Amino acid sequence: MGIKEKILDYQVTHGVFDNSTFAGTEGIAKRAIAEGFDALSEKQKAVLEPYLSITCSGITDPGGHHNDCAAVLEGESLLDAYHRCEDPEYLICDSCDDEEGYYAHQWDRISQE
């Protein structure tokens, strides 16, 4: 199974297509998982393409400032974000994940003092 099929499989099992604008999106995704993304028609691929590239949600620092991260998650980085993040609608890149971890570490350190 290729990376696109793994992403689509994760999305199907976690309800990402439940609120899609096109009712057949999940069915196309299931076909891509079973037969391979390359087996789809160009129109079917076009339906799924927006789900294979997602902009990082970014994070908010302890001071309330959102970093407005614009990193694009696709391929392996998108699949990693799905596995790392608890909410499939709130995905962050590795950089934001590191930054969030740093803030959490600093808060723990300050709380212990």
Protein backbone atom coordinates (compact mmCIF):
# COMPACT_ATOMS: atom_id res chain seq x y z
CA MET A 1 0.00 0.00 0.00
CA GLY A 2 1.43 3.37 -1.04
CA ILE A 3 1.47 6.53 1.05
CA LYS A 4 -1.64 7.99 -0.60
CA GLU A 5 -3.59 4.83 0.08
CA LYS A 6 -2.39 4.81 3.71
CA ILE A 7 -3.54 8.41 4.15
CA LEU A 8 -6.93 7.63 2.61
CA ASP A 9 -7.27 4.51 4.78
CA TYR A 10 -6.64 6.58 7.90
CA GLN A 11 -9.14 9.19 6.73
CA VAL A 12 -11.84 6.58 6.03
CA THR A 13 -11.40 4.87 9.40
CA HIS A 14 -11.45 8.20 11.27
CA GLY A 15 -14.50 9.72 9.58
CA VAL A 16 -12.73 12.49 7.66
CA PHE A 17 -15.18 12.10 4.76
CA ASP A 18 -18.33 12.18 6.92
CA ASN A 19 -19.00 15.84 6.11
CA SER A 20 -17.54 15.99 2.60
CA THR A 21 -19.40 18.13 0.07
CA PHE A 22 -19.53 15.29 -2.46
CA ALA A 23 -21.42 12.25 -1.12
CA GLY A 24 -19.31 9.77 -3.13
CA THR A 25 -15.96 10.86 -1.74
CA GLU A 26 -15.65 8.05 0.78
CA GLY A 27 -16.56 5.46 -1.86
CA ILE A 28 -13.84 6.79 -4.16
CA ALA A 29 -11.38 6.69 -1.28
CA LYS A 30 -12.28 3.07 -0.53
CA ARG A 31 -11.74 2.18 -4.18
CA ALA A 32 -8.34 3.90 -4.12
CA ILE A 33 -7.40 1.89 -1.02
CA ALA A 34 -8.51 -1.40 -2.59
CA GLU A 35 -7.23 -0.89 -6.13
CA GLY A 36 -4.59 1.82 -5.75
CA PHE A 37 -4.78 5.57 -6.26
CA ASP A 38 -3.38 5.28 -9.79
CA ALA A 39 -6.31 3.03 -10.80
CA LEU A 40 -8.73 5.95 -10.36
CA SER A 41 -9.94 8.15 -13.20
CA GLU A 42 -8.69 11.73 -13.39
CA LYS A 43 -12.05 13.00 -12.09
CA GLN A 44 -11.93 10.61 -9.13
CA LYS A 45 -8.36 11.68 -8.35
CA ALA A 46 -9.48 15.31 -8.48
CA VAL A 47 -12.14 14.59 -5.82
CA LEU A 48 -9.51 13.13 -3.46
CA GLU A 49 -6.62 15.53 -4.12
CA PRO A 50 -7.79 18.18 -1.60
CA TYR A 51 -7.64 15.52 1.13
CA LEU A 52 -4.02 14.62 0.32
CA SER A 53 -2.61 18.06 1.11
CA ILE A 54 -3.54 19.97 4.27
CA THR A 55 -2.20 23.22 5.72
CA CYS A 56 -0.83 23.05 9.27
CA SER A 57 -3.27 24.36 11.87
CA GLY A 58 -0.46 26.12 13.73
CA ILE A 59 -0.27 26.58 17.49
CA THR A 60 -0.90 29.27 20.05
CA ASP A 61 1.92 30.20 22.43
CA PRO A 62 1.33 30.74 26.16
CA GLY A 63 0.91 34.46 25.52
CA GLY A 64 -2.06 33.82 23.23
CA HIS A 65 -0.26 34.53 19.95
CA HIS A 66 -1.06 32.13 17.11
CA ASN A 67 1.95 31.44 14.90
CA ASP A 68 -0.08 31.32 11.65
CA CYS A 69 1.99 28.40 10.35
CA ALA A 70 1.42 27.86 6.65
CA ALA A 71 3.36 24.61 6.24
CA VAL A 72 1.70 22.20 3.83
CA LEU A 73 1.35 18.65 5.07
CA GLU A 74 1.40 16.03 2.34
CA GLY A 75 2.73 12.54 1.83
CA GLU A 76 4.64 11.10 4.77
CA SER A 77 4.39 14.32 6.80
CA LEU A 78 0.58 14.27 6.50
CA LEU A 79 0.38 10.64 7.57
CA ASP A 80 2.71 11.36 10.51
CA ALA A 81 0.53 14.31 11.55
CA TYR A 82 -2.57 12.11 11.51
CA HIS A 83 -0.87 9.59 13.80
CA ARG A 84 0.61 12.25 16.09
CA CYS A 85 -2.45 14.50 16.49
CA GLU A 86 -5.58 13.45 18.37
CA ASP A 87 -8.03 15.41 16.21
CA PRO A 88 -7.93 14.75 12.42
CA GLU A 89 -9.27 18.27 11.87
CA TYR A 90 -6.41 19.86 13.83
CA LEU A 91 -3.12 18.74 12.29
CA ILE A 92 0.25 20.34 12.98
CA CYS A 93 3.62 20.03 11.30
CA ASP A 94 6.77 18.71 12.99
CA SER A 95 8.01 22.24 13.70
CA CYS A 96 4.79 23.25 15.46
CA ASP A 97 4.77 19.96 17.35
CA ASP A 98 8.31 20.67 18.58
CA GLU A 99 7.33 24.22 19.55
CA GLU A 100 4.25 23.00 21.40
CA GLY A 101 6.39 20.44 23.24
CA TYR A 102 8.84 23.17 24.20
CA TYR A 103 6.05 25.31 25.67
CA ALA A 104 4.69 22.32 27.60
CA HIS A 105 8.16 21.54 28.94
CA GLN A 106 8.72 25.15 30.01
CA TRP A 107 5.30 25.27 31.70
CA ASP A 108 6.07 22.07 33.63
CA ARG A 109 9.42 23.49 34.72
CA ILE A 110 7.85 26.77 35.89
CA SER A 111 5.04 24.92 37.68
CA GLN A 112 7.55 22.89 39.67
CA GLU A 113 9.44 25.97 40.90
